[in-house]
Amino acid sequence: MTFIDNIIRYLTQNGMVDPKLLFEALFTDQHDQGLLGVFDTAASQRIVKIFAGGE
């Protein structure tokens, strides 16, 4: 999946992903809502929590 590939590529280059970026350019290329357009609400919340350091 391209969205996941973008996350992996971003992590490799930058070491971390600010959860806000998941709703901005690069991550909105696959869907205009970014993370929420690719995953359901529960999965999106979990992903944001992980990148925010909550898990």
PDB file of N, CA and C in Angstrom:
ATOM      1  N   MET A   1       0.847  -1.176   0.000  1.00  0.00           N
ATOM      2  CA  MET A   1       0.000   0.000   0.000  1.00  0.00           C
ATOM      3  C   MET A   1       0.896   1.244   0.000  1.00  0.00           C
ATOM      4  N   THR A   2       0.603   2.161  -0.867  1.00  0.00           N
ATOM      5  CA  THR A   2       1.421   3.358  -1.037  1.00  0.00           C
ATOM      6  C   THR A   2       1.480   4.204   0.228  1.00  0.00           C
ATOM      7  N   PHE A   3       0.377   4.315   0.938  1.00  0.00           N
ATOM      8  CA  PHE A   3       0.345   5.126   2.154  1.00  0.00           C
ATOM      9  C   PHE A   3       1.365   4.610   3.171  1.00  0.00           C
ATOM     10  N   ILE A   4       1.374   3.305   3.381  1.00  0.00           N
ATOM     11  CA  ILE A   4       2.319   2.692   4.319  1.00  0.00           C
ATOM     12  C   ILE A   4       3.752   2.871   3.826  1.00  0.00           C
ATOM     13  N   ASP A   5       3.960   2.704   2.526  1.00  0.00           N
ATOM     14  CA  ASP A   5       5.297   2.919   1.956  1.00  0.00           C
ATOM     15  C   ASP A   5       5.776   4.342   2.219  1.00  0.00           C
ATOM     16  N   ASN A   6       4.876   5.311   2.104  1.00  0.00           N
ATOM     17  CA  ASN A   6       5.239   6.706   2.376  1.00  0.00           C
ATOM     18  C   ASN A   6       5.628   6.902   3.838  1.00  0.00           C
ATOM     19  N   ILE A   7       4.899   6.251   4.745  1.00  0.00           N
ATOM     20  CA  ILE A   7       5.237   6.346   6.167  1.00  0.00           C
ATOM     21  C   ILE A   7       6.623   5.752   6.414  1.00  0.00           C
ATOM     22  N   ILE A   8       6.871   4.579   5.859  1.00  0.00           N
ATOM     23  CA  ILE A   8       8.169   3.920   6.040  1.00  0.00           C
ATOM     24  C   ILE A   8       9.290   4.777   5.469  1.00  0.00           C
ATOM     25  N   ARG A   9       9.084   5.301   4.275  1.00  0.00           N
ATOM     26  CA  ARG A   9      10.096   6.154   3.640  1.00  0.00           C
ATOM     27  C   ARG A   9      10.357   7.403   4.492  1.00  0.00           C
ATOM     28  N   TYR A  10       9.280   8.022   4.983  1.00  0.00           N
ATOM     29  CA  TYR A  10       9.423   9.222   5.806  1.00  0.00           C
ATOM     30  C   TYR A  10      10.172   8.903   7.096  1.00  0.00           C
ATOM     31  N   LEU A  11       9.815   7.794   7.734  1.00  0.00           N
ATOM     32  CA  LEU A  11      10.501   7.379   8.962  1.00  0.00           C
ATOM     33  C   LEU A  11      11.982   7.121   8.713  1.00  0.00           C
ATOM     34  N   THR A  12      12.289   6.470   7.608  1.00  0.00           N
ATOM     35  CA  THR A  12      13.673   6.155   7.262  1.00  0.00           C
ATOM     36  C   THR A  12      14.491   7.432   7.079  1.00  0.00           C
ATOM     37  N   GLN A  13      13.895   8.428   6.444  1.00  0.00           N
ATOM     38  CA  GLN A  13      14.611   9.671   6.159  1.00  0.00           C
ATOM     39  C   GLN A  13      14.655  10.627   7.348  1.00  0.00           C
ATOM     40  N   ASN A  14      13.608  10.595   8.197  1.00  0.00           N
ATOM     41  CA  ASN A  14      13.483  11.610   9.242  1.00  0.00           C
ATOM     42  C   ASN A  14      13.515  11.076  10.670  1.00  0.00           C
ATOM     43  N   GLY A  15      13.375   9.780  10.833  1.00  0.00           N
ATOM     44  CA  GLY A  15      13.448   9.182  12.158  1.00  0.00           C
ATOM     45  C   GLY A  15      12.174   9.208  12.971  1.00  0.00           C
ATOM     46  N   MET A  16      11.237  10.058  12.610  1.00  0.00           N
ATOM     47  CA  MET A  16       9.952  10.142  13.305  1.00  0.00           C
ATOM     48  C   MET A  16       8.922  10.795  12.396  1.00  0.00           C
ATOM     49  N   VAL A  17       7.652  10.624  12.752  1.00  0.00           N
ATOM     50  CA  VAL A  17       6.565  11.251  12.010  1.00  0.00           C
ATOM     51  C   VAL A  17       5.692  11.991  13.010  1.00  0.00           C
ATOM     52  N   ASP A  18       5.579  13.289  12.844  1.00  0.00           N
ATOM     53  CA  ASP A  18       4.631  14.060  13.644  1.00  0.00           C
ATOM     54  C   ASP A  18       3.239  13.661  13.162  1.00  0.00           C
ATOM     55  N   PRO A  19       2.344  13.239  14.058  1.00  0.00           N
ATOM     56  CA  PRO A  19       1.020  12.783  13.631  1.00  0.00           C
ATOM     57  C   PRO A  19       0.264  13.790  12.757  1.00  0.00           C
ATOM     58  N   LYS A  20       0.503  15.081  12.954  1.00  0.00           N
ATOM     59  CA  LYS A  20      -0.163  16.100  12.136  1.00  0.00           C
ATOM     60  C   LYS A  20       0.178  15.950  10.661  1.00  0.00           C
ATOM     61  N   LEU A  21       1.384  15.459  10.378  1.00  0.00           N
ATOM     62  CA  LEU A  21       1.814  15.294   8.986  1.00  0.00           C
ATOM     63  C   LEU A  21       0.983  14.263   8.234  1.00  0.00           C
ATOM     64  N   LEU A  22       0.354  13.349   8.947  1.00  0.00           N
ATOM     65  CA  LEU A  22      -0.436  12.295   8.308  1.00  0.00           C
ATOM     66  C   LEU A  22      -1.695  12.838   7.638  1.00  0.00           C
ATOM     67  N   PHE A  23      -1.960  14.135   7.830  1.00  0.00           N
ATOM     68  CA  PHE A  23      -3.124  14.782   7.234  1.00  0.00           C
ATOM     69  C   PHE A  23      -2.708  15.880   6.257  1.00  0.00           C
ATOM     70  N   GLU A  24      -1.411  15.909   5.895  1.00  0.00           N
ATOM     71  CA  GLU A  24      -0.875  16.934   5.002  1.00  0.00           C
ATOM     72  C   GLU A  24      -0.268  16.304   3.749  1.00  0.00           C
ATOM     73  N   ALA A  25       0.214  17.168   2.853  1.00  0.00           N
ATOM     74  CA  ALA A  25       0.806  16.714   1.588  1.00  0.00           C
ATOM     75  C   ALA A  25       1.791  15.580   1.824  1.00  0.00           C
ATOM     76  N   LEU A  26       1.960  14.765   0.873  1.00  0.00           N
ATOM     77  CA  LEU A  26       2.646  13.477   0.850  1.00  0.00           C
ATOM     78  C   LEU A  26       1.678  12.409   1.341  1.00  0.00           C
ATOM     79  N   PHE A  27       1.073  12.628   2.509  1.00  0.00           N
ATOM     80  CA  PHE A  27       0.141  11.642   3.033  1.00  0.00           C
ATOM     81  C   PHE A  27      -1.289  11.885   2.549  1.00  0.00           C
ATOM     82  N   THR A  28      -1.529  12.980   1.848  1.00  0.00           N
ATOM     83  CA  THR A  28      -2.853  13.206   1.260  1.00  0.00           C
ATOM     84  C   THR A  28      -2.862  12.886  -0.232  1.00  0.00           C
ATOM     85  N   ASP A  29      -1.761  12.361  -0.745  1.00  0.00           N
ATOM     86  CA  ASP A  29      -1.704  12.000  -2.165  1.00  0.00           C
ATOM     87  C   ASP A  29      -2.642  10.840  -2.502  1.00  0.00           C
ATOM     88  N   GLN A  30      -2.808   9.895  -1.589  1.00  0.00           N
ATOM     89  CA  GLN A  30      -3.673   8.747  -1.840  1.00  0.00           C
ATOM     90  C   GLN A  30      -5.137   9.058  -1.549  1.00  0.00           C
ATOM     91  N   HIS A  31      -5.376   9.951  -0.602  1.00  0.00           N
ATOM     92  CA  HIS A  31      -6.740  10.358  -0.256  1.00  0.00           C
ATOM     93  C   HIS A  31      -6.669  11.757   0.320  1.00  0.00           C
ATOM     94  N   ASP A  32      -7.610  12.608  -0.063  1.00  0.00           N
ATOM     95  CA  ASP A  32      -7.536  14.008   0.367  1.00  0.00           C
ATOM     96  C   ASP A  32      -7.679  14.190   1.878  1.00  0.00           C
ATOM     97  N   GLN A  33      -8.161  13.173   2.594  1.00  0.00           N
ATOM     98  CA  GLN A  33      -8.264  13.250   4.050  1.00  0.00           C
ATOM     99  C   GLN A  33      -7.062  12.611   4.748  1.00  0.00           C
ATOM    100  N   GLY A  34      -6.082  12.213   3.965  1.00  0.00           N
ATOM    101  CA  GLY A  34      -4.885  11.609   4.550  1.00  0.00           C
ATOM    102  C   GLY A  34      -5.205  10.320   5.282  1.00  0.00           C
ATOM    103  N   LEU A  35      -4.713  10.197   6.482  1.00  0.00           N
ATOM    104  CA  LEU A  35      -4.865   8.991   7.291  1.00  0.00           C
ATOM    105  C   LEU A  35      -6.320   8.552   7.415  1.00  0.00           C
ATOM    106  N   LEU A  36      -7.221   9.499   7.674  1.00  0.00           N
ATOM    107  CA  LEU A  36      -8.640   9.159   7.870  1.00  0.00           C
ATOM    108  C   LEU A  36      -9.314   8.662   6.600  1.00  0.00           C
ATOM    109  N   GLY A  37      -8.764   8.979   5.466  1.00  0.00           N
ATOM    110  CA  GLY A  37      -9.328   8.496   4.216  1.00  0.00           C
ATOM    111  C   GLY A  37      -8.834   7.115   3.834  1.00  0.00           C
ATOM    112  N   VAL A  38      -7.745   6.685   4.455  1.00  0.00           N
ATOM    113  CA  VAL A  38      -7.148   5.390   4.137  1.00  0.00           C
ATOM    114  C   VAL A  38      -7.547   4.333   5.163  1.00  0.00           C
ATOM    115  N   PHE A  39      -7.655   4.726   6.427  1.00  0.00           N
ATOM    116  CA  PHE A  39      -7.993   3.805   7.512  1.00  0.00           C
ATOM    117  C   PHE A  39      -9.278   4.244   8.196  1.00  0.00           C
ATOM    118  N   ASP A  40      -9.957   3.300   8.851  1.00  0.00           N
ATOM    119  CA  ASP A  40     -11.159   3.664   9.599  1.00  0.00           C
ATOM    120  C   ASP A  40     -10.759   4.468  10.841  1.00  0.00           C
ATOM    121  N   THR A  41     -11.745   5.008  11.536  1.00  0.00           N
ATOM    122  CA  THR A  41     -11.481   5.901  12.663  1.00  0.00           C
ATOM    123  C   THR A  41     -10.662   5.232  13.760  1.00  0.00           C
ATOM    124  N   ALA A  42     -11.021   4.016  14.131  1.00  0.00           N
ATOM    125  CA  ALA A  42     -10.310   3.320  15.213  1.00  0.00           C
ATOM    126  C   ALA A  42      -8.840   3.091  14.855  1.00  0.00           C
ATOM    127  N   ALA A  43      -8.583   2.637  13.647  1.00  0.00           N
ATOM    128  CA  ALA A  43      -7.201   2.401  13.213  1.00  0.00           C
ATOM    129  C   ALA A  43      -6.438   3.721  13.135  1.00  0.00           C
ATOM    130  N   SER A  44      -7.084   4.764  12.636  1.00  0.00           N
ATOM    131  CA  SER A  44      -6.441   6.077  12.536  1.00  0.00           C
ATOM    132  C   SER A  44      -6.044   6.594  13.911  1.00  0.00           C
ATOM    133  N   GLN A  45      -6.946   6.447  14.878  1.00  0.00           N
ATOM    134  CA  GLN A  45      -6.648   6.907  16.237  1.00  0.00           C
ATOM    135  C   GLN A  45      -5.480   6.133  16.835  1.00  0.00           C
ATOM    136  N   ARG A  46      -5.432   4.848  16.580  1.00  0.00           N
ATOM    137  CA  ARG A  46      -4.331   4.027  17.108  1.00  0.00           C
ATOM    138  C   ARG A  46      -2.999   4.440  16.473  1.00  0.00           C
ATOM    139  N   ILE A  47      -3.002   4.673  15.169  1.00  0.00           N
ATOM    140  CA  ILE A  47      -1.782   5.083  14.469  1.00  0.00           C
ATOM    141  C   ILE A  47      -1.290   6.427  15.001  1.00  0.00           C
ATOM    142  N   VAL A  48      -2.198   7.380  15.176  1.00  0.00           N
ATOM    143  CA  VAL A  48      -1.822   8.690  15.718  1.00  0.00           C
ATOM    144  C   VAL A  48      -1.240   8.523  17.118  1.00  0.00           C
ATOM    145  N   LYS A  49      -1.869   7.690  17.932  1.00  0.00           N
ATOM    146  CA  LYS A  49      -1.390   7.456  19.296  1.00  0.00           C
ATOM    147  C   LYS A  49       0.022   6.868  19.289  1.00  0.00           C
ATOM    148  N   ILE A  50       0.275   5.939  18.392  1.00  0.00           N
ATOM    149  CA  ILE A  50       1.604   5.329  18.288  1.00  0.00           C
ATOM    150  C   ILE A  50       2.647   6.379  17.931  1.00  0.00           C
ATOM    151  N   PHE A  51       2.362   7.201  16.913  1.00  0.00           N
ATOM    152  CA  PHE A  51       3.332   8.211  16.494  1.00  0.00           C
ATOM    153  C   PHE A  51       3.474   9.342  17.506  1.00  0.00           C
ATOM    154  N   ALA A  52       2.453   9.528  18.338  1.00  0.00           N
ATOM    155  CA  ALA A  52       2.533  10.555  19.381  1.00  0.00           C
ATOM    156  C   ALA A  52       3.281  10.043  20.612  1.00  0.00           C
ATOM    157  N   GLY A  53       3.669   8.764  20.577  1.00  0.00           N
ATOM    158  CA  GLY A  53       4.426   8.191  21.686  1.00  0.00           C
ATOM    159  C   GLY A  53       3.564   7.577  22.764  1.00  0.00           C
ATOM    160  N   GLY A  54       2.288   7.360  22.451  1.00  0.00           N
ATOM    161  CA  GLY A  54       1.368   6.813  23.445  1.00  0.00           C
ATOM    162  C   GLY A  54       1.337   5.307  23.522  1.00  0.00           C
ATOM    163  N   GLU A  55       2.020   4.612  22.629  1.00  0.00           N
ATOM    164  CA  GLU A  55       2.059   3.139  22.675  1.00  0.00           C
ATOM    165  C   GLU A  55       3.434   2.653  22.342  1.00  0.00           C
TER     166      GLU A  55
END
